[in-house]
Amino acid sequence: MSDKENIHISSYKEHVSTWLALILLTFMTVFVSVFGAELRTLSVATAMIIATVKATAVGYYFMHLKYDPKIYKIMMATVLGLFVFFMLMITLDYITR
């Protein structure tokens, strides 16, 4: 495989739109934490879901995961799945106390 096959060029539009999406998600997190205070567990879960989406976007676009081999995507999906599993277990433990 030559070096030219591995080259990828990300447009400024792609970077700016990803950045704007991250800013919007940040505002959503702040909104949930300020106005969702009476929800407690739900606001924490919502904030964690938003943080997971933000981390995935950063990995996929800014760290160029979408251009990497499939094994890296599988590893990231595995870690994401484990994270969701443990967050559910923590939430269930918190709710049942």
PDB file of N, CA and C in Angstrom:
ATOM      1  N   MET A   1       0.842  -1.168   0.000  1.00  0.00           N
ATOM      2  CA  MET A   1       0.000   0.000   0.000  1.00  0.00           C
ATOM      3  C   MET A   1       0.894   1.239   0.000  1.00  0.00           C
ATOM      4  N   SER A   2       0.681   2.122  -0.921  1.00  0.00           N
ATOM      5  CA  SER A   2       1.521   3.313  -1.003  1.00  0.00           C
ATOM      6  C   SER A   2       1.021   4.389  -0.039  1.00  0.00           C
ATOM      7  N   ASP A   3       1.853   5.399   0.149  1.00  0.00           N
ATOM      8  CA  ASP A   3       1.500   6.488   1.050  1.00  0.00           C
ATOM      9  C   ASP A   3       0.310   7.294   0.545  1.00  0.00           C
ATOM     10  N   LYS A   4       0.143   7.372  -0.768  1.00  0.00           N
ATOM     11  CA  LYS A   4      -0.962   8.163  -1.321  1.00  0.00           C
ATOM     12  C   LYS A   4      -2.319   7.549  -1.013  1.00  0.00           C
ATOM     13  N   GLU A   5      -2.391   6.263  -0.795  1.00  0.00           N
ATOM     14  CA  GLU A   5      -3.658   5.616  -0.471  1.00  0.00           C
ATOM     15  C   GLU A   5      -4.107   5.938   0.951  1.00  0.00           C
ATOM     16  N   ASN A   6      -3.175   6.286   1.830  1.00  0.00           N
ATOM     17  CA  ASN A   6      -3.503   6.576   3.222  1.00  0.00           C
ATOM     18  C   ASN A   6      -3.790   8.052   3.471  1.00  0.00           C
ATOM     19  N   ILE A   7      -3.627   8.890   2.477  1.00  0.00           N
ATOM     20  CA  ILE A   7      -3.823  10.324   2.664  1.00  0.00           C
ATOM     21  C   ILE A   7      -5.313  10.640   2.635  1.00  0.00           C
ATOM     22  N   HIS A   8      -5.732  11.447   3.568  1.00  0.00           N
ATOM     23  CA  HIS A   8      -7.098  11.942   3.584  1.00  0.00           C
ATOM     24  C   HIS A   8      -7.071  13.423   3.922  1.00  0.00           C
ATOM     25  N   ILE A   9      -7.964  14.148   3.349  1.00  0.00           N
ATOM     26  CA  ILE A   9      -8.029  15.587   3.571  1.00  0.00           C
ATOM     27  C   ILE A   9      -9.400  15.916   4.138  1.00  0.00           C
ATOM     28  N   SER A  10      -9.398  16.506   5.322  1.00  0.00           N
ATOM     29  CA  SER A  10     -10.651  16.939   5.934  1.00  0.00           C
ATOM     30  C   SER A  10     -10.869  18.403   5.597  1.00  0.00           C
ATOM     31  N   SER A  11     -12.071  18.721   5.207  1.00  0.00           N
ATOM     32  CA  SER A  11     -12.370  20.095   4.829  1.00  0.00           C
ATOM     33  C   SER A  11     -12.561  20.971   6.068  1.00  0.00           C
ATOM     34  N   TYR A  12     -12.394  22.278   5.865  1.00  0.00           N
ATOM     35  CA  TYR A  12     -12.642  23.217   6.951  1.00  0.00           C
ATOM     36  C   TYR A  12     -14.112  23.177   7.360  1.00  0.00           C
ATOM     37  N   LYS A  13     -14.985  22.969   6.388  1.00  0.00           N
ATOM     38  CA  LYS A  13     -16.416  22.890   6.674  1.00  0.00           C
ATOM     39  C   LYS A  13     -16.707  21.746   7.638  1.00  0.00           C
ATOM     40  N   GLU A  14     -16.061  20.615   7.434  1.00  0.00           N
ATOM     41  CA  GLU A  14     -16.260  19.467   8.318  1.00  0.00           C
ATOM     42  C   GLU A  14     -15.779  19.771   9.732  1.00  0.00           C
ATOM     43  N   HIS A  15     -14.622  20.409   9.843  1.00  0.00           N
ATOM     44  CA  HIS A  15     -14.088  20.745  11.167  1.00  0.00           C
ATOM     45  C   HIS A  15     -14.948  21.787  11.870  1.00  0.00           C
ATOM     46  N   VAL A  16     -15.363  22.803  11.133  1.00  0.00           N
ATOM     47  CA  VAL A  16     -16.175  23.864  11.735  1.00  0.00           C
ATOM     48  C   VAL A  16     -17.547  23.331  12.146  1.00  0.00           C
ATOM     49  N   SER A  17     -18.154  22.497  11.315  1.00  0.00           N
ATOM     50  CA  SER A  17     -19.463  21.950  11.679  1.00  0.00           C
ATOM     51  C   SER A  17     -19.357  21.020  12.885  1.00  0.00           C
ATOM     52  N   THR A  18     -18.286  20.274  12.983  1.00  0.00           N
ATOM     53  CA  THR A  18     -18.074  19.420  14.157  1.00  0.00           C
ATOM     54  C   THR A  18     -17.865  20.277  15.402  1.00  0.00           C
ATOM     55  N   TRP A  19     -17.096  21.338  15.259  1.00  0.00           N
ATOM     56  CA  TRP A  19     -16.850  22.250  16.376  1.00  0.00           C
ATOM     57  C   TRP A  19     -18.154  22.892  16.838  1.00  0.00           C
ATOM     58  N   LEU A  20     -18.982  23.332  15.900  1.00  0.00           N
ATOM     59  CA  LEU A  20     -20.270  23.930  16.253  1.00  0.00           C
ATOM     60  C   LEU A  20     -21.184  22.920  16.944  1.00  0.00           C
ATOM     61  N   ALA A  21     -21.158  21.685  16.489  1.00  0.00           N
ATOM     62  CA  ALA A  21     -21.953  20.644  17.146  1.00  0.00           C
ATOM     63  C   ALA A  21     -21.469  20.425  18.575  1.00  0.00           C
ATOM     64  N   LEU A  22     -20.153  20.447  18.797  1.00  0.00           N
ATOM     65  CA  LEU A  22     -19.615  20.290  20.149  1.00  0.00           C
ATOM     66  C   LEU A  22     -20.010  21.465  21.038  1.00  0.00           C
ATOM     67  N   ILE A  23     -20.018  22.676  20.483  1.00  0.00           N
ATOM     68  CA  ILE A  23     -20.447  23.853  21.247  1.00  0.00           C
ATOM     69  C   ILE A  23     -21.930  23.715  21.620  1.00  0.00           C
ATOM     70  N   LEU A  24     -22.755  23.288  20.666  1.00  0.00           N
ATOM     71  CA  LEU A  24     -24.182  23.090  20.931  1.00  0.00           C
ATOM     72  C   LEU A  24     -24.388  22.037  22.020  1.00  0.00           C
ATOM     73  N   LEU A  25     -23.653  20.954  21.949  1.00  0.00           N
ATOM     74  CA  LEU A  25     -23.765  19.914  22.973  1.00  0.00           C
ATOM     75  C   LEU A  25     -23.311  20.414  24.344  1.00  0.00           C
ATOM     76  N   THR A  26     -22.301  21.280  24.358  1.00  0.00           N
ATOM     77  CA  THR A  26     -21.862  21.882  25.620  1.00  0.00           C
ATOM     78  C   THR A  26     -22.961  22.746  26.216  1.00  0.00           C
ATOM     79  N   PHE A  27     -23.614  23.551  25.379  1.00  0.00           N
ATOM     80  CA  PHE A  27     -24.734  24.361  25.865  1.00  0.00           C
ATOM     81  C   PHE A  27     -25.873  23.482  26.373  1.00  0.00           C
ATOM     82  N   MET A  28     -26.094  22.359  25.700  1.00  0.00           N
ATOM     83  CA  MET A  28     -27.134  21.433  26.160  1.00  0.00           C
ATOM     84  C   MET A  28     -26.786  20.865  27.537  1.00  0.00           C
ATOM     85  N   THR A  29     -25.515  20.557  27.755  1.00  0.00           N
ATOM     86  CA  THR A  29     -25.079  20.042  29.052  1.00  0.00           C
ATOM     87  C   THR A  29     -25.301  21.080  30.146  1.00  0.00           C
ATOM     88  N   VAL A  30     -24.940  22.319  29.865  1.00  0.00           N
ATOM     89  CA  VAL A  30     -25.138  23.392  30.843  1.00  0.00           C
ATOM     90  C   VAL A  30     -26.626  23.595  31.101  1.00  0.00           C
ATOM     91  N   PHE A  31     -27.433  23.567  30.050  1.00  0.00           N
ATOM     92  CA  PHE A  31     -28.875  23.733  30.200  1.00  0.00           C
ATOM     93  C   PHE A  31     -29.463  22.642  31.085  1.00  0.00           C
ATOM     94  N   VAL A  32     -29.049  21.413  30.868  1.00  0.00           N
ATOM     95  CA  VAL A  32     -29.550  20.302  31.683  1.00  0.00           C
ATOM     96  C   VAL A  32     -29.105  20.456  33.135  1.00  0.00           C
ATOM     97  N   SER A  33     -27.880  20.878  33.355  1.00  0.00           N
ATOM     98  CA  SER A  33     -27.392  20.994  34.726  1.00  0.00           C
ATOM     99  C   SER A  33     -28.038  22.165  35.469  1.00  0.00           C
ATOM    100  N   VAL A  34     -28.380  23.237  34.762  1.00  0.00           N
ATOM    101  CA  VAL A  34     -28.981  24.399  35.423  1.00  0.00           C
ATOM    102  C   VAL A  34     -30.488  24.226  35.596  1.00  0.00           C
ATOM    103  N   PHE A  35     -31.171  23.819  34.530  1.00  0.00           N
ATOM    104  CA  PHE A  35     -32.633  23.764  34.574  1.00  0.00           C
ATOM    105  C   PHE A  35     -33.184  22.376  34.874  1.00  0.00           C
ATOM    106  N   GLY A  36     -32.340  21.376  34.889  1.00  0.00           N
ATOM    107  CA  GLY A  36     -32.803  20.022  35.178  1.00  0.00           C
ATOM    108  C   GLY A  36     -32.399  19.561  36.558  1.00  0.00           C
ATOM    109  N   ALA A  37     -32.176  20.511  37.473  1.00  0.00           N
ATOM    110  CA  ALA A  37     -31.674  20.174  38.810  1.00  0.00           C
ATOM    111  C   ALA A  37     -32.641  19.290  39.578  1.00  0.00           C
ATOM    112  N   GLU A  38     -33.957  19.436  39.377  1.00  0.00           N
ATOM    113  CA  GLU A  38     -34.911  18.627  40.127  1.00  0.00           C
ATOM    114  C   GLU A  38     -35.022  17.211  39.573  1.00  0.00           C
ATOM    115  N   LEU A  39     -34.404  16.944  38.433  1.00  0.00           N
ATOM    116  CA  LEU A  39     -34.459  15.613  37.847  1.00  0.00           C
ATOM    117  C   LEU A  39     -33.414  14.666  38.443  1.00  0.00           C
ATOM    118  N   ARG A  40     -32.378  15.203  39.018  1.00  0.00           N
ATOM    119  CA  ARG A  40     -31.272  14.491  39.655  1.00  0.00           C
ATOM    120  C   ARG A  40     -30.676  13.375  38.809  1.00  0.00           C
ATOM    121  N   THR A  41     -31.151  12.164  38.959  1.00  0.00           N
ATOM    122  CA  THR A  41     -30.560  11.033  38.246  1.00  0.00           C
ATOM    123  C   THR A  41     -30.682  11.196  36.743  1.00  0.00           C
ATOM    124  N   LEU A  42     -31.817  11.665  36.289  1.00  0.00           N
ATOM    125  CA  LEU A  42     -32.027  11.835  34.858  1.00  0.00           C
ATOM    126  C   LEU A  42     -31.104  12.906  34.284  1.00  0.00           C
ATOM    127  N   SER A  43     -30.864  13.985  35.031  1.00  0.00           N
ATOM    128  CA  SER A  43     -29.982  15.028  34.521  1.00  0.00           C
ATOM    129  C   SER A  43     -28.534  14.538  34.456  1.00  0.00           C
ATOM    130  N   VAL A  44     -28.139  13.723  35.413  1.00  0.00           N
ATOM    131  CA  VAL A  44     -26.781  13.159  35.379  1.00  0.00           C
ATOM    132  C   VAL A  44     -26.642  12.200  34.202  1.00  0.00           C
ATOM    133  N   ALA A  45     -27.633  11.361  33.998  1.00  0.00           N
ATOM    134  CA  ALA A  45     -27.595  10.419  32.877  1.00  0.00           C
ATOM    135  C   ALA A  45     -27.590  11.166  31.546  1.00  0.00           C
ATOM    136  N   THR A  46     -28.401  12.208  31.448  1.00  0.00           N
ATOM    137  CA  THR A  46     -28.437  13.003  30.216  1.00  0.00           C
ATOM    138  C   THR A  46     -27.094  13.671  29.969  1.00  0.00           C
ATOM    139  N   ALA A  47     -26.491  14.222  31.003  1.00  0.00           N
ATOM    140  CA  ALA A  47     -25.181  14.848  30.856  1.00  0.00           C
ATOM    141  C   ALA A  47     -24.122  13.831  30.426  1.00  0.00           C
ATOM    142  N   MET A  48     -24.203  12.623  30.958  1.00  0.00           N
ATOM    143  CA  MET A  48     -23.244  11.589  30.579  1.00  0.00           C
ATOM    144  C   MET A  48     -23.449  11.128  29.142  1.00  0.00           C
ATOM    145  N   ILE A  49     -24.704  11.058  28.698  1.00  0.00           N
ATOM    146  CA  ILE A  49     -24.977  10.689  27.304  1.00  0.00           C
ATOM    147  C   ILE A  49     -24.439  11.762  26.364  1.00  0.00           C
ATOM    148  N   ILE A  50     -24.653  13.025  26.724  1.00  0.00           N
ATOM    149  CA  ILE A  50     -24.133  14.121  25.896  1.00  0.00           C
ATOM    150  C   ILE A  50     -22.609  14.083  25.866  1.00  0.00           C
ATOM    151  N   ALA A  51     -21.986  13.812  26.998  1.00  0.00           N
ATOM    152  CA  ALA A  51     -20.524  13.721  27.044  1.00  0.00           C
ATOM    153  C   ALA A  51     -20.010  12.571  26.190  1.00  0.00           C
ATOM    154  N   THR A  52     -20.745  11.475  26.168  1.00  0.00           N
ATOM    155  CA  THR A  52     -20.356  10.329  25.336  1.00  0.00           C
ATOM    156  C   THR A  52     -20.443  10.677  23.856  1.00  0.00           C
ATOM    157  N   VAL A  53     -21.501  11.376  23.479  1.00  0.00           N
ATOM    158  CA  VAL A  53     -21.647  11.804  22.080  1.00  0.00           C
ATOM    159  C   VAL A  53     -20.514  12.763  21.706  1.00  0.00           C
ATOM    160  N   LYS A  54     -20.176  13.665  22.608  1.00  0.00           N
ATOM    161  CA  LYS A  54     -19.076  14.602  22.336  1.00  0.00           C
ATOM    162  C   LYS A  54     -17.741  13.877  22.189  1.00  0.00           C
ATOM    163  N   ALA A  55     -17.472  12.914  23.063  1.00  0.00           N
ATOM    164  CA  ALA A  55     -16.217  12.161  22.975  1.00  0.00           C
ATOM    165  C   ALA A  55     -16.150  11.355  21.682  1.00  0.00           C
ATOM    166  N   THR A  56     -17.271  10.801  21.274  1.00  0.00           N
ATOM    167  CA  THR A  56     -17.308  10.050  20.020  1.00  0.00           C
ATOM    168  C   THR A  56     -17.051  10.964  18.828  1.00  0.00           C
ATOM    169  N   ALA A  57     -17.639  12.150  18.849  1.00  0.00           N
ATOM    170  CA  ALA A  57     -17.426  13.111  17.755  1.00  0.00           C
ATOM    171  C   ALA A  57     -15.968  13.549  17.688  1.00  0.00           C
ATOM    172  N   VAL A  58     -15.366  13.792  18.830  1.00  0.00           N
ATOM    173  CA  VAL A  58     -13.951  14.184  18.850  1.00  0.00           C
ATOM    174  C   VAL A  58     -13.080  13.061  18.300  1.00  0.00           C
ATOM    175  N   GLY A  59     -13.332  11.850  18.743  1.00  0.00           N
ATOM    176  CA  GLY A  59     -12.547  10.711  18.250  1.00  0.00           C
ATOM    177  C   GLY A  59     -12.746  10.469  16.767  1.00  0.00           C
ATOM    178  N   TYR A  60     -13.967  10.591  16.321  1.00  0.00           N
ATOM    179  CA  TYR A  60     -14.303  10.270  14.929  1.00  0.00           C
ATOM    180  C   TYR A  60     -13.787  11.327  13.956  1.00  0.00           C
ATOM    181  N   TYR A  61     -13.943  12.596  14.290  1.00  0.00           N
ATOM    182  CA  TYR A  61     -13.572  13.655  13.355  1.00  0.00           C
ATOM    183  C   TYR A  61     -12.197  14.262  13.630  1.00  0.00           C
ATOM    184  N   PHE A  62     -11.950  14.724  14.857  1.00  0.00           N
ATOM    185  CA  PHE A  62     -10.691  15.410  15.126  1.00  0.00           C
ATOM    186  C   PHE A  62      -9.511  14.449  15.250  1.00  0.00           C
ATOM    187  N   MET A  63      -9.760  13.220  15.700  1.00  0.00           N
ATOM    188  CA  MET A  63      -8.691  12.241  15.804  1.00  0.00           C
ATOM    189  C   MET A  63      -8.677  11.296  14.606  1.00  0.00           C
ATOM    190  N   HIS A  64      -9.532  11.576  13.612  1.00  0.00           N
ATOM    191  CA  HIS A  64      -9.573  10.875  12.322  1.00  0.00           C
ATOM    192  C   HIS A  64      -9.821   9.374  12.456  1.00  0.00           C
ATOM    193  N   LEU A  65     -10.627   8.995  13.429  1.00  0.00           N
ATOM    194  CA  LEU A  65     -10.952   7.583  13.612  1.00  0.00           C
ATOM    195  C   LEU A  65     -11.726   7.031  12.419  1.00  0.00           C
ATOM    196  N   LYS A  66     -12.453   7.889  11.733  1.00  0.00           N
ATOM    197  CA  LYS A  66     -13.244   7.402  10.598  1.00  0.00           C
ATOM    198  C   LYS A  66     -12.373   6.952   9.433  1.00  0.00           C
ATOM    199  N   TYR A  67     -11.105   7.317   9.423  1.00  0.00           N
ATOM    200  CA  TYR A  67     -10.189   6.886   8.358  1.00  0.00           C
ATOM    201  C   TYR A  67      -9.313   5.712   8.783  1.00  0.00           C
ATOM    202  N   ASP A  68      -9.394   5.317  10.046  1.00  0.00           N
ATOM    203  CA  ASP A  68      -8.553   4.241  10.553  1.00  0.00           C
ATOM    204  C   ASP A  68      -9.143   2.877  10.199  1.00  0.00           C
ATOM    205  N   PRO A  69      -8.354   1.816  10.376  1.00  0.00           N
ATOM    206  CA  PRO A  69      -8.860   0.464  10.105  1.00  0.00           C
ATOM    207  C   PRO A  69     -10.054   0.117  10.991  1.00  0.00           C
ATOM    208  N   LYS A  70     -10.814  -0.854  10.559  1.00  0.00           N
ATOM    209  CA  LYS A  70     -12.050  -1.247  11.232  1.00  0.00           C
ATOM    210  C   LYS A  70     -11.816  -1.739  12.662  1.00  0.00           C
ATOM    211  N   ILE A  71     -10.664  -2.310  12.954  1.00  0.00           N
ATOM    212  CA  ILE A  71     -10.392  -2.839  14.292  1.00  0.00           C
ATOM    213  C   ILE A  71     -10.430  -1.724  15.334  1.00  0.00           C
ATOM    214  N   TYR A  72      -9.990  -0.513  14.973  1.00  0.00           N
ATOM    215  CA  TYR A  72     -10.021   0.604  15.913  1.00  0.00           C
ATOM    216  C   TYR A  72     -11.448   1.031  16.198  1.00  0.00           C
ATOM    217  N   LYS A  73     -12.299   0.969  15.186  1.00  0.00           N
ATOM    218  CA  LYS A  73     -13.712   1.293  15.397  1.00  0.00           C
ATOM    219  C   LYS A  73     -14.373   0.252  16.288  1.00  0.00           C
ATOM    220  N   ILE A  74     -13.993  -1.004  16.120  1.00  0.00           N
ATOM    221  CA  ILE A  74     -14.532  -2.070  16.961  1.00  0.00           C
ATOM    222  C   ILE A  74     -14.080  -1.883  18.408  1.00  0.00           C
ATOM    223  N   MET A  75     -12.817  -1.523  18.602  1.00  0.00           N
ATOM    224  CA  MET A  75     -12.320  -1.299  19.961  1.00  0.00           C
ATOM    225  C   MET A  75     -13.029  -0.119  20.611  1.00  0.00           C
ATOM    226  N   MET A  76     -13.254   0.945  19.857  1.00  0.00           N
ATOM    227  CA  MET A  76     -13.949   2.103  20.420  1.00  0.00           C
ATOM    228  C   MET A  76     -15.393   1.746  20.759  1.00  0.00           C
ATOM    229  N   ALA A  77     -16.049   0.973  19.906  1.00  0.00           N
ATOM    230  CA  ALA A  77     -17.422   0.552  20.182  1.00  0.00           C
ATOM    231  C   ALA A  77     -17.476  -0.340  21.422  1.00  0.00           C
ATOM    232  N   THR A  78     -16.477  -1.185  21.617  1.00  0.00           N
ATOM    233  CA  THR A  78     -16.414  -2.039  22.799  1.00  0.00           C
ATOM    234  C   THR A  78     -16.273  -1.210  24.066  1.00  0.00           C
ATOM    235  N   VAL A  79     -15.376  -0.245  24.035  1.00  0.00           N
ATOM    236  CA  VAL A  79     -15.189   0.637  25.196  1.00  0.00           C
ATOM    237  C   VAL A  79     -16.456   1.433  25.464  1.00  0.00           C
ATOM    238  N   LEU A  80     -17.092   1.932  24.417  1.00  0.00           N
ATOM    239  CA  LEU A  80     -18.335   2.678  24.570  1.00  0.00           C
ATOM    240  C   LEU A  80     -19.437   1.792  25.154  1.00  0.00           C
ATOM    241  N   GLY A  81     -19.518   0.559  24.686  1.00  0.00           N
ATOM    242  CA  GLY A  81     -20.496  -0.377  25.222  1.00  0.00           C
ATOM    243  C   GLY A  81     -20.260  -0.680  26.695  1.00  0.00           C
ATOM    244  N   LEU A  82     -18.999  -0.877  27.076  1.00  0.00           N
ATOM    245  CA  LEU A  82     -18.680  -1.105  28.484  1.00  0.00           C
ATOM    246  C   LEU A  82     -19.016   0.113  29.337  1.00  0.00           C
ATOM    247  N   PHE A  83     -18.749   1.282  28.805  1.00  0.00           N
ATOM    248  CA  PHE A  83     -19.078   2.517  29.524  1.00  0.00           C
ATOM    249  C   PHE A  83     -20.580   2.603  29.773  1.00  0.00           C
ATOM    250  N   VAL A  84     -21.366   2.344  28.750  1.00  0.00           N
ATOM    251  CA  VAL A  84     -22.824   2.398  28.892  1.00  0.00           C
ATOM    252  C   VAL A  84     -23.296   1.347  29.903  1.00  0.00           C
ATOM    253  N   PHE A  85     -22.732   0.163  29.828  1.00  0.00           N
ATOM    254  CA  PHE A  85     -23.089  -0.903  30.772  1.00  0.00           C
ATOM    255  C   PHE A  85     -22.813  -0.474  32.211  1.00  0.00           C
ATOM    256  N   PHE A  86     -21.620   0.044  32.471  1.00  0.00           N
ATOM    257  CA  PHE A  86     -21.273   0.437  33.838  1.00  0.00           C
ATOM    258  C   PHE A  86     -22.092   1.641  34.298  1.00  0.00           C
ATOM    259  N   MET A  87     -22.406   2.557  33.399  1.00  0.00           N
ATOM    260  CA  MET A  87     -23.254   3.684  33.788  1.00  0.00           C
ATOM    261  C   MET A  87     -24.657   3.205  34.157  1.00  0.00           C
ATOM    262  N   LEU A  88     -25.177   2.237  33.415  1.00  0.00           N
ATOM    263  CA  LEU A  88     -26.480   1.672  33.756  1.00  0.00           C
ATOM    264  C   LEU A  88     -26.442   0.979  35.110  1.00  0.00           C
ATOM    265  N   MET A  89     -25.378   0.243  35.379  1.00  0.00           N
ATOM    266  CA  MET A  89     -25.267  -0.450  36.657  1.00  0.00           C
ATOM    267  C   MET A  89     -25.180   0.550  37.814  1.00  0.00           C
ATOM    268  N   ILE A  90     -24.413   1.629  37.627  1.00  0.00           N
ATOM    269  CA  ILE A  90     -24.299   2.648  38.668  1.00  0.00           C
ATOM    270  C   ILE A  90     -25.649   3.330  38.886  1.00  0.00           C
ATOM    271  N   THR A  91     -26.334   3.628  37.778  1.00  0.00           N
ATOM    272  CA  THR A  91     -27.639   4.295  37.890  1.00  0.00           C
ATOM    273  C   THR A  91     -28.645   3.391  38.604  1.00  0.00           C
ATOM    274  N   LEU A  92     -28.673   2.105  38.242  1.00  0.00           N
ATOM    275  CA  LEU A  92     -29.575   1.183  38.924  1.00  0.00           C
ATOM    276  C   LEU A  92     -29.256   1.060  40.411  1.00  0.00           C
ATOM    277  N   ASP A  93     -27.982   1.046  40.749  1.00  0.00           N
ATOM    278  CA  ASP A  93     -27.587   0.991  42.160  1.00  0.00           C
ATOM    279  C   ASP A  93     -28.036   2.254  42.884  1.00  0.00           C
ATOM    280  N   TYR A  94     -27.876   3.382  42.246  1.00  0.00           N
ATOM    281  CA  TYR A  94     -28.272   4.661  42.856  1.00  0.00           C
ATOM    282  C   TYR A  94     -29.783   4.741  43.067  1.00  0.00           C
ATOM    283  N   ILE A  95     -30.533   4.276  42.080  1.00  0.00           N
ATOM    284  CA  ILE A  95     -31.996   4.339  42.155  1.00  0.00           C
ATOM    285  C   ILE A  95     -32.546   3.418  43.230  1.00  0.00           C
ATOM    286  N   THR A  96     -31.943   2.245  43.402  1.00  0.00           N
ATOM    287  CA  THR A  96     -32.484   1.262  44.350  1.00  0.00           C
ATOM    288  C   THR A  96     -32.050   1.483  45.788  1.00  0.00           C
ATOM    289  N   ARG A  97     -31.277   2.484  46.073  1.00  0.00           N
ATOM    290  CA  ARG A  97     -30.862   2.739  47.454  1.00  0.00           C
ATOM    291  C   ARG A  97     -31.879   3.562  48.184  1.00  0.00           C
TER     292      ARG A  97
END
